């Protein structure tokens, strides 16, 4: 099955010759099983930003949190009754607080 996608006026990018798209490459650029431990001497490194570290720490802190089933039931009931109120100011304050935590310089 062939599907044609127009480029919508964008420049056309070069395509890989057919038959080469099925091989996987490792970090050194060698294809498939042909990479037998030969390294080119380059040292690949990953740097994680402070924001990413803060998000990672925040996600770890929430892993052991228990769910307050009574509060969940109260919120469900308020939603069903149409009496649930959203405090936009409180949400905005917490979003700003989170942003300041994520952008805080060490």
Protein backbone atom coordinates (compact mmCIF):
# COMPACT_ATOMS: atom_id res chain seq x y z
CA UNK A 1 0.00 0.00 0.00
CA UNK A 2 1.40 3.38 -0.98
CA UNK A 3 0.42 6.58 0.79
CA UNK A 4 1.53 9.91 -0.57
CA UNK A 5 1.94 12.81 1.83
CA UNK A 6 2.36 16.23 0.30
CA UNK A 7 5.04 18.51 1.69
CA UNK A 8 2.64 21.47 2.03
CA UNK A 9 5.17 23.86 0.52
CA UNK A 10 8.03 22.76 2.79
CA UNK A 11 11.40 21.89 1.24
CA UNK A 12 11.82 18.24 0.35
CA UNK A 13 14.27 16.38 2.56
CA UNK A 14 16.59 13.75 1.09
CA UNK A 15 15.29 10.21 1.47
CA UNK A 16 17.38 7.16 2.33
CA UNK A 17 17.78 4.73 -0.57
CA UNK A 18 15.25 1.91 -0.38
CA UNK A 19 16.43 -1.14 1.51
CA UNK A 20 18.50 0.78 4.05
CA UNK A 21 15.65 1.87 6.30
CA UNK A 22 15.26 -1.55 7.93
CA UNK A 23 18.65 -1.76 9.65
CA UNK A 24 19.07 -0.49 13.19
CA UNK A 25 22.12 1.46 14.20
CA UNK A 26 23.87 1.70 17.52
CA UNK A 27 25.36 4.85 19.04
CA UNK A 28 28.53 4.61 16.94
CA UNK A 29 26.58 4.44 13.69
CA UNK A 30 27.35 0.79 12.87
CA UNK A 31 24.45 -1.24 11.58
CA UNK A 32 22.91 -4.29 13.26
CA UNK A 33 25.21 -7.12 14.34
CA UNK A 34 28.21 -5.74 12.47
CA UNK A 35 29.18 -3.62 15.49
CA UNK A 36 31.56 -5.93 17.35
CA UNK A 37 32.88 -3.65 20.06
CA UNK A 38 34.92 -1.35 17.84
CA UNK A 39 34.79 2.19 19.21
CA UNK A 40 35.89 5.33 17.47
CA UNK A 41 37.18 6.98 20.61
CA UNK A 42 34.24 9.34 20.98
CA UNK A 43 32.81 9.64 24.46
CA UNK A 44 29.03 10.07 24.42
CA UNK A 45 27.62 12.00 27.37
CA UNK A 46 24.21 13.13 28.49
CA UNK A 47 23.67 16.25 30.55
CA UNK A 48 20.42 16.54 32.48
CA UNK A 49 19.18 20.05 33.15
CA UNK A 50 18.31 21.24 36.63
CA UNK A 51 14.66 21.34 35.59
CA UNK A 52 14.78 17.69 34.54
CA UNK A 53 16.41 16.75 37.84
CA UNK A 54 13.72 18.60 39.78
CA UNK A 55 10.99 16.81 37.84
CA UNK A 56 12.69 13.48 38.45
CA UNK A 57 12.91 14.14 42.19
CA UNK A 58 9.29 15.27 42.32
CA UNK A 59 8.15 12.10 40.58
CA UNK A 60 10.11 9.96 43.05
CA UNK A 61 8.58 11.74 46.02
CA UNK A 62 5.05 10.95 44.83
CA UNK A 63 5.61 7.22 44.30
CA UNK A 64 4.75 6.24 47.86
CA UNK A 65 1.83 8.64 48.32
CA UNK A 66 -1.39 7.00 49.41
CA UNK A 67 -4.76 7.97 47.99
CA UNK A 68 -7.23 9.53 50.41
CA UNK A 69 -10.30 7.56 49.38
CA UNK A 70 -12.62 9.63 51.57
CA UNK A 71 -11.54 12.85 49.85
CA UNK A 72 -11.90 11.22 46.43
CA UNK A 73 -15.45 10.16 47.34
CA UNK A 74 -16.28 13.71 48.51
CA UNK A 75 -14.99 15.21 45.25
CA UNK A 76 -16.92 12.67 43.18
CA UNK A 77 -20.09 13.50 45.10
CA UNK A 78 -19.55 17.25 44.65
CA UNK A 79 -18.98 16.75 40.92
CA UNK A 80 -22.15 14.65 40.65
CA UNK A 81 -24.16 17.29 42.57
CA UNK A 82 -22.69 20.17 40.58
CA UNK A 83 -21.39 21.81 43.76
CA UNK A 84 -17.65 21.34 43.12
CA UNK A 85 -15.90 24.71 43.00
CA UNK A 86 -12.53 25.40 41.42
CA UNK A 87 -10.35 27.96 43.19
CA UNK A 88 -8.51 29.48 40.22
CA UNK A 89 -6.35 31.68 42.46
CA UNK A 90 -5.10 28.70 44.45
CA UNK A 91 -4.32 26.77 41.26
CA UNK A 92 -2.43 29.76 39.83
CA UNK A 93 -0.42 30.17 43.05
CA UNK A 94 0.58 26.51 43.02
CA UNK A 95 1.53 26.63 39.34
CA UNK A 96 3.76 29.64 40.00
CA UNK A 97 5.28 27.88 42.99
CA UNK A 98 6.03 24.81 40.88
CA UNK A 99 7.56 26.95 38.15
CA UNK A 100 9.82 28.71 40.64
CA UNK A 101 10.92 25.33 42.04
CA UNK A 102 11.71 24.03 38.55
CA UNK A 103 13.65 27.12 37.50
CA UNK A 104 15.48 27.64 40.80
CA UNK A 105 19.22 27.98 40.38
CA UNK A 106 21.31 25.82 42.77
